[in-house]
C-alpha atoms as a PDB file:
ATOM      1  CA  MET A   1     -20.381   8.545 -70.251  1.00  0.00           C
ATOM      2  CA  GLU A   2     -22.958  11.230 -69.894  1.00  0.00           C
ATOM      3  CA  ASN A   3     -24.384  10.142 -66.987  1.00  0.00           C
ATOM      4  CA  GLY A   4     -21.112   9.715 -65.303  1.00  0.00           C
ATOM      5  CA  GLY A   5     -19.813  13.309 -66.196  1.00  0.00           C
ATOM      6  CA  ALA A   6     -23.203  14.467 -64.587  1.00  0.00           C
ATOM      7  CA  SER A   7     -22.777  12.895 -61.427  1.00  0.00           C
ATOM      8  CA  LEU A   8     -18.581  13.738 -61.593  1.00  0.00           C
ATOM      9  CA  SER A   9     -19.908  17.513 -62.147  1.00  0.00           C
ATOM     10  CA  ARG A  10     -22.767  17.366 -59.572  1.00  0.00           C
ATOM     11  CA  ALA A  11     -20.528  15.743 -56.434  1.00  0.00           C
ATOM     12  CA  LEU A  12     -17.569  18.006 -57.573  1.00  0.00           C
ATOM     13  CA  PRO A  13     -19.452  21.374 -55.191  1.00  0.00           C
ATOM     14  CA  ILE A  14     -19.986  19.150 -52.898  1.00  0.00           C
ATOM     15  CA  VAL A  15     -16.212  17.495 -52.404  1.00  0.00           C
ATOM     16  CA  VAL A  16     -14.905  21.409 -52.779  1.00  0.00           C
ATOM     17  CA  ALA A  17     -16.776  22.242 -50.193  1.00  0.00           C
ATOM     18  CA  VAL A  18     -16.254  19.588 -47.555  1.00  0.00           C
ATOM     19  CA  ALA A  19     -12.116  21.039 -48.672  1.00  0.00           C
ATOM     20  CA  LEU A  20     -12.757  24.454 -47.910  1.00  0.00           C
ATOM     21  CA  ALA A  21     -15.144  23.400 -44.850  1.00  0.00           C
ATOM     22  CA  LEU A  22     -11.823  21.128 -43.386  1.00  0.00           C
ATOM     23  CA  LEU A  23      -9.270  24.046 -44.347  1.00  0.00           C
ATOM     24  CA  GLY A  24     -11.195  26.527 -42.687  1.00  0.00           C
ATOM     25  CA  GLY A  25     -11.429  24.681 -39.503  1.00  0.00           C
ATOM     26  CA  TRP A  26      -7.297  23.643 -40.059  1.00  0.00           C
ATOM     27  CA  VAL A  27      -6.872  27.397 -39.987  1.00  0.00           C
ATOM     28  CA  PHE A  28      -9.155  27.915 -36.852  1.00  0.00           C
ATOM     29  CA  PHE A  29      -7.561  25.499 -34.562  1.00  0.00           C
ATOM     30  CA  ARG A  30      -3.805  26.772 -35.882  1.00  0.00           C
ATOM     31  CA  SER A  31      -4.764  30.211 -35.813  1.00  0.00           C
ATOM     32  CA  TYR A  32      -6.486  29.220 -31.745  1.00  0.00           C
ATOM     33  CA  GLY A  33      -3.209  27.353 -30.999  1.00  0.00           C
ATOM     34  CA  ASP A  34      -0.822  29.900 -32.243  1.00  0.00           C
ATOM     35  CA  ARG A  35      -2.794  32.580 -29.929  1.00  0.00           C
ATOM     36  CA  SER A  36      -2.550  30.139 -27.028  1.00  0.00           C
ATOM     37  CA  ARG A  37       0.737  29.313 -26.664  1.00  0.00           C
ATOM     38  CA  ASP A  38       1.426  32.975 -27.185  1.00  0.00           C
ATOM     39  CA  GLU A  39      -1.093  34.139 -24.110  1.00  0.00           C
ATOM     40  CA  CYS A  40       0.304  31.229 -22.064  1.00  0.00           C
ATOM     41  CA  GLY A  41       4.049  31.524 -23.022  1.00  0.00           C
ATOM     42  CA  GLU A  42       5.986  29.489 -20.436  1.00  0.00           C
ATOM     43  CA  HIS A  43       3.049  29.343 -18.035  1.00  0.00           C
ATOM     44  CA  TYR A  44       2.090  26.184 -20.397  1.00  0.00           C
ATOM     45  CA  ARG A  45       5.891  24.020 -20.060  1.00  0.00           C
ATOM     46  CA  SER A  46       5.386  25.315 -15.873  1.00  0.00           C
ATOM     47  CA  ALA A  47       1.526  24.153 -15.718  1.00  0.00           C
ATOM     48  CA  ARG A  48       1.762  20.968 -17.361  1.00  0.00           C
ATOM     49  CA  ASN A  49       4.554  19.984 -15.226  1.00  0.00           C
ATOM     50  CA  ALA A  50       2.866  20.975 -11.794  1.00  0.00           C
ATOM     51  CA  GLU A  51       2.617  18.064  -9.787  1.00  0.00           C
ATOM     52  CA  ASP A  52      -1.119  19.711  -8.992  1.00  0.00           C
ATOM     53  CA  THR A  53      -2.030  18.862 -12.662  1.00  0.00           C
ATOM     54  CA  ALA A  54      -4.172  15.826 -11.170  1.00  0.00           C
ATOM     55  CA  ARG A  55      -6.459  18.603  -9.665  1.00  0.00           C
ATOM     56  CA  VAL A  56      -7.573  20.218 -12.940  1.00  0.00           C
ATOM     57  CA  ASP A  57     -11.651  18.732 -11.638  1.00  0.00           C
ATOM     58  CA  GLN A  58     -11.201  21.662  -9.286  1.00  0.00           C
ATOM     59  CA  ILE A  59     -11.242  24.531 -11.503  1.00  0.00           C
ATOM     60  CA  VAL A  60     -14.137  26.461 -11.772  1.00  0.00           C
ATOM     61  CA  LEU A  61     -14.084  29.347 -13.878  1.00  0.00           C
ATOM     62  CA  THR A  62     -16.721  32.230 -13.440  1.00  0.00           C
ATOM     63  CA  ASN A  63     -18.691  31.635 -16.376  1.00  0.00           C
ATOM     64  CA  GLY A  64     -18.706  28.397 -16.001  1.00  0.00           C
ATOM     65  CA  SER A  65     -16.652  27.377 -19.158  1.00  0.00           C
ATOM     66  CA  LEU A  66     -13.452  25.903 -19.089  1.00  0.00           C
ATOM     67  CA  ASN A  67     -10.328  27.247 -22.062  1.00  0.00           C
ATOM     68  CA  SER A  68      -6.760  26.441 -22.239  1.00  0.00           C
ATOM     69  CA  CYS A  69      -5.605  29.518 -20.723  1.00  0.00           C
ATOM     70  CA  GLY A  70      -7.609  29.532 -17.568  1.00  0.00           C
ATOM     71  CA  VAL A  71      -7.557  26.167 -17.081  1.00  0.00           C
ATOM     72  CA  LEU A  72      -3.579  26.549 -17.147  1.00  0.00           C
ATOM     73  CA  ARG A  73      -4.104  29.910 -14.866  1.00  0.00           C
ATOM     74  CA  GLY A  74      -5.713  27.949 -12.427  1.00  0.00           C
ATOM     75  CA  LEU A  75      -3.102  25.263 -12.563  1.00  0.00           C
ATOM     76  CA  MET A  76      -0.289  27.814 -12.012  1.00  0.00           C
ATOM     77  CA  SER A  77      -2.328  29.281  -8.843  1.00  0.00           C
ATOM     78  CA  MET A  78      -2.585  25.535  -7.605  1.00  0.00           C
ATOM     79  CA  ASN A  79       1.073  24.779  -8.068  1.00  0.00           C
ATOM     80  CA  SER A  80       1.848  28.091  -6.587  1.00  0.00           C
ATOM     81  CA  ASP A  81      -0.304  27.189  -3.641  1.00  0.00           C
ATOM     82  CA  SER A  82       0.951  23.566  -3.174  1.00  0.00           C
ATOM     83  CA  GLY A  83       4.947  25.197  -3.262  1.00  0.00           C
ATOM     84  CA  SER A  84       3.074  27.531  -0.426  1.00  0.00           C
ATOM     85  CA  VAL A  85       2.592  24.910   1.653  1.00  0.00           C
ATOM     86  CA  HIS A  86       4.994  22.384   1.010  1.00  0.00           C
ATOM     87  CA  ALA A  87       7.161  25.473   1.826  1.00  0.00           C
ATOM     88  CA  ILE A  88       5.482  25.810   5.134  1.00  0.00           C
ATOM     89  CA  ALA A  89       5.158  22.296   6.467  1.00  0.00           C
ATOM     90  CA  THR A  90       9.331  21.804   5.742  1.00  0.00           C
ATOM     91  CA  GLY A  91      10.292  25.318   6.972  1.00  0.00           C
ATOM     92  CA  ILE A  92       8.778  24.656  10.601  1.00  0.00           C
ATOM     93  CA  ILE A  93      10.557  21.625  10.801  1.00  0.00           C
ATOM     94  CA  ASP A  94      13.927  23.466   9.898  1.00  0.00           C
ATOM     95  CA  ALA A  95      13.324  26.165  12.312  1.00  0.00           C
ATOM     96  CA  ASP A  96      12.565  23.513  15.000  1.00  0.00           C
ATOM     97  CA  ASN A  97      15.621  22.294  14.555  1.00  0.00           C
ATOM     98  CA  ARG A  98      17.544  25.539  14.574  1.00  0.00           C
ATOM     99  CA  ARG A  99      15.537  25.836  17.602  1.00  0.00           C
ATOM    100  CA  ASP A 100      14.453  29.756  16.591  1.00  0.00           C
ATOM    101  CA  LEU A 101      11.242  30.345  18.125  1.00  0.00           C
ATOM    102  CA  ILE A 102      10.604  33.348  16.202  1.00  0.00           C
ATOM    103  CA  SER A 103      10.298  31.658  12.656  1.00  0.00           C
ATOM    104  CA  VAL A 104       8.410  28.322  14.694  1.00  0.00           C
ATOM    105  CA  LEU A 105       5.859  30.755  15.989  1.00  0.00           C
ATOM    106  CA  SER A 106       5.796  32.904  12.361  1.00  0.00           C
ATOM    107  CA  TYR A 107       3.974  30.040  10.490  1.00  0.00           C
ATOM    108  CA  TYR A 108       0.827  29.506  12.824  1.00  0.00           C
ATOM    109  CA  GLY A 109      -2.387  31.701  13.232  1.00  0.00           C
ATOM    110  CA  ASP A 110      -3.191  33.656  16.205  1.00  0.00           C
ATOM    111  CA  SER A 111      -5.899  31.127  16.953  1.00  0.00           C
ATOM    112  CA  ALA A 112      -3.913  27.883  16.036  1.00  0.00           C
ATOM    113  CA  VAL A 113      -4.317  24.775  18.166  1.00  0.00           C
ATOM    114  CA  LEU A 114      -1.908  22.121  18.700  1.00  0.00           C
ATOM    115  CA  VAL A 115      -3.101  18.590  19.537  1.00  0.00           C
ATOM    116  CA  PRO A 116      -0.542  15.828  21.120  1.00  0.00           C
ATOM    117  CA  PRO A 117      -0.660  12.784  21.976  1.00  0.00           C
ATOM    118  CA  GLY A 118      -2.213  11.659  24.908  1.00  0.00           C
ATOM    119  CA  GLU A 119      -2.492  15.791  26.149  1.00  0.00           C
ATOM    120  CA  PRO A 120      -4.908  18.371  26.475  1.00  0.00           C
ATOM    121  CA  PRO A 121      -5.216  20.728  22.841  1.00  0.00           C
ATOM    122  CA  VAL A 122      -3.066  23.379  22.837  1.00  0.00           C
ATOM    123  CA  SER A 123      -5.065  26.543  22.001  1.00  0.00           C
ATOM    124  CA  GLY A 124      -3.536  30.212  21.063  1.00  0.00           C
ATOM    125  CA  ILE A 125      -0.028  31.942  19.895  1.00  0.00           C
ATOM    126  CA  LYS A 126       0.731  32.593  23.391  1.00  0.00           C
ATOM    127  CA  GLU A 127       0.040  28.722  25.340  1.00  0.00           C
ATOM    128  CA  ILE A 128       1.779  27.615  21.787  1.00  0.00           C
ATOM    129  CA  GLN A 129       4.964  29.761  22.542  1.00  0.00           C
ATOM    130  CA  ARG A 130       5.223  28.505  25.745  1.00  0.00           C
ATOM    131  CA  ARG A 131       4.848  24.664  24.787  1.00  0.00           C
ATOM    132  CA  TYR A 132       8.357  25.406  22.355  1.00  0.00           C
ATOM    133  CA  GLU A 133       9.586  27.581  25.088  1.00  0.00           C
ATOM    134  CA  MET A 134       9.808  24.312  27.772  1.00  0.00           C
ATOM    135  CA  LEU A 135      10.791  21.953  24.054  1.00  0.00           C
ATOM    136  CA  PHE A 136      13.599  23.921  23.220  1.00  0.00           C
ATOM    137  CA  ALA A 137      14.850  24.762  26.895  1.00  0.00           C
ATOM    138  CA  ASP A 138      14.765  20.764  27.466  1.00  0.00           C
ATOM    139  CA  TRP A 139      15.755  19.636  23.400  1.00  0.00           C
ATOM    140  CA  GLN A 140      17.908  19.826  20.984  1.00  0.00           C
ATOM    141  CA  PRO A 141      15.234  18.554  17.653  1.00  0.00           C
ATOM    142  CA  ALA A 142      17.199  16.584  14.985  1.00  0.00           C
ATOM    143  CA  ILE A 143      13.770  16.061  12.549  1.00  0.00           C
ATOM    144  CA  GLU A 144      13.777  14.417   9.880  1.00  0.00           C
ATOM    145  CA  PRO A 145      10.327  14.856   7.932  1.00  0.00           C
ATOM    146  CA  ARG A 146       8.703  13.833   5.094  1.00  0.00           C
ATOM    147  CA  ILE A 147       5.789  14.895   3.329  1.00  0.00           C
ATOM    148  CA  ASP A 148       3.266  12.234   2.295  1.00  0.00           C
ATOM    149  CA  SER A 149       0.416  14.412   1.122  1.00  0.00           C
ATOM    150  CA  VAL A 150      -1.118  17.903   0.236  1.00  0.00           C
ATOM    151  CA  VAL A 151      -4.348  18.562  -0.367  1.00  0.00           C
ATOM    152  CA  ILE A 152      -5.603  21.848  -1.020  1.00  0.00           C
ATOM    153  CA  THR A 153      -9.160  22.887  -0.997  1.00  0.00           C
ATOM    154  CA  GLY A 154     -10.140  26.774  -1.769  1.00  0.00           C
ATOM    155  CA  ASN A 155      -8.234  28.593   1.315  1.00  0.00           C
ATOM    156  CA  THR A 156      -7.960  25.532   3.088  1.00  0.00           C
ATOM    157  CA  ALA A 157      -5.004  22.876   2.900  1.00  0.00           C
ATOM    158  CA  ARG A 158      -4.177  19.833   4.573  1.00  0.00           C
ATOM    159  CA  VAL A 159      -0.836  18.498   4.648  1.00  0.00           C
ATOM    160  CA  HIS A 160      -0.350  14.314   5.615  1.00  0.00           C
ATOM    161  CA  GLY A 161       3.309  13.490   6.791  1.00  0.00           C
ATOM    162  CA  HIS A 162       5.812  11.473   9.169  1.00  0.00           C
ATOM    163  CA  ASN A 163       8.383  13.090  11.349  1.00  0.00           C
ATOM    164  CA  GLY A 164      11.395  10.748  12.199  1.00  0.00           C
ATOM    165  CA  GLY A 165      15.202  11.719  13.730  1.00  0.00           C
ATOM    166  CA  TRP A 166      15.428  12.314  17.231  1.00  0.00           C
ATOM    167  CA  LEU A 167      14.824  14.983  20.259  1.00  0.00           C
ATOM    168  CA  ARG A 168      18.430  15.178  21.573  1.00  0.00           C
ATOM    169  CA  THR A 169      18.523  15.691  25.614  1.00  0.00           C
ATOM    170  CA  MET A 170      19.967  19.197  26.742  1.00  0.00           C
ATOM    171  CA  ALA A 171      20.576  17.111  30.089  1.00  0.00           C
ATOM    172  CA  ALA A 172      24.076  15.852  30.947  1.00  0.00           C
ATOM    173  CA  GLY A 173      23.032  12.053  31.484  1.00  0.00           C
ATOM    174  CA  GLY A 174      19.913  12.429  29.751  1.00  0.00           C
ATOM    175  CA  THR A 175      18.932   9.892  27.153  1.00  0.00           C
ATOM    176  CA  ASP A 176      17.632  11.122  23.521  1.00  0.00           C
ATOM    177  CA  ARG A 177      13.892  10.567  22.343  1.00  0.00           C
ATOM    178  CA  ALA A 178      13.632   8.713  18.937  1.00  0.00           C
ATOM    179  CA  LEU A 179      10.579  10.095  17.015  1.00  0.00           C
ATOM    180  CA  ASP A 180       8.490   8.321  15.007  1.00  0.00           C
ATOM    181  CA  ASP A 181       5.336  10.141  14.484  1.00  0.00           C
ATOM    182  CA  THR A 182       2.442  10.655  11.946  1.00  0.00           C
ATOM    183  CA  TYR A 183       1.217  13.905  11.551  1.00  0.00           C
ATOM    184  CA  ILE A 184      -1.788  15.715   9.630  1.00  0.00           C
ATOM    185  CA  MET A 185      -1.488  19.990   9.724  1.00  0.00           C
ATOM    186  CA  THR A 186      -3.814  22.141   8.821  1.00  0.00           C
ATOM    187  CA  LEU A 187      -3.626  25.780   6.838  1.00  0.00           C
ATOM    188  CA  GLU A 188      -5.696  28.255   6.214  1.00  0.00           C
ATOM    189  CA  ARG A 189      -5.346  31.018   3.493  1.00  0.00           C
ATOM    190  CA  ARG A 190      -6.026  34.782   4.976  1.00  0.00           C
ATOM    191  CA  GLY A 191      -5.382  37.664   3.084  1.00  0.00           C
ATOM    192  CA  GLY A 192      -3.274  35.753   0.817  1.00  0.00           C
ATOM    193  CA  THR A 193      -1.148  34.244   3.646  1.00  0.00           C
ATOM    194  CA  TRP A 194      -1.164  31.063   4.646  1.00  0.00           C
ATOM    195  CA  ASN A 195      -1.242  29.868   8.171  1.00  0.00           C
ATOM    196  CA  ILE A 196      -0.838  26.818   9.949  1.00  0.00           C
ATOM    197  CA  SER A 197      -4.112  26.195  11.972  1.00  0.00           C
ATOM    198  CA  ARG A 198      -4.481  23.112  13.342  1.00  0.00           C
ATOM    199  CA  LEU A 199      -1.439  20.438  14.116  1.00  0.00           C
ATOM    200  CA  GLN A 200      -2.244  16.768  15.586  1.00  0.00           C
ATOM    201  CA  TRP A 201       0.161  13.857  15.304  1.00  0.00           C
ATOM    202  CA  THR A 202       0.155  10.722  17.145  1.00  0.00           C
ATOM    203  CA  ARG A 203       3.197   8.181  17.828  1.00  0.00           C
ATOM    204  CA  ASN A 204       3.202   5.004  15.920  1.00  0.00           C
ATOM    205  CA  PRO A 205       3.431   1.705  17.797  1.00  0.00           C
ATOM    206  CA  PRO A 206       7.082   0.782  18.489  1.00  0.00           C
END
């Protein structure tokens, strides 16, 4: 009985120490979690629903470490970039369908290149303008776009997608042309602004 009491007395300080350590850890992480929520606020809810969260592996902080708000800030930035790139990919089609030349050209960089199927590349904003002027003189686009993927790496983005719909002829008695094109759009970010640097498309076989 005495031996049992001695063993218990020796074990008690260890038990108390472990309990205090666990309690201290719980208080620390609870405090850290509250602080993270306070710092990140609405960003947490926005970022964890962002479609780019799967690309967290591309977030590299300058100190080489990851922390909760750092990751969330990175995800929010990527989500913002993705939204900007999506807006360009859809906005240029909307401008095409309105035959709004000024808006269309605003999406391109000055040294952009078009690579149409079976034709020489069209280089530079002036040549691109001429091509669109001819397009809008002969056709009323009714393009139905689909974005299949957006991949952003640093200041470069690539959009893979498909354009269906029609080019409606402007000529009396002419024939409309059905569209079934697969495209790759490359965008570059300069000075915080995204612009199309290259647009290549192919016509799918009937």
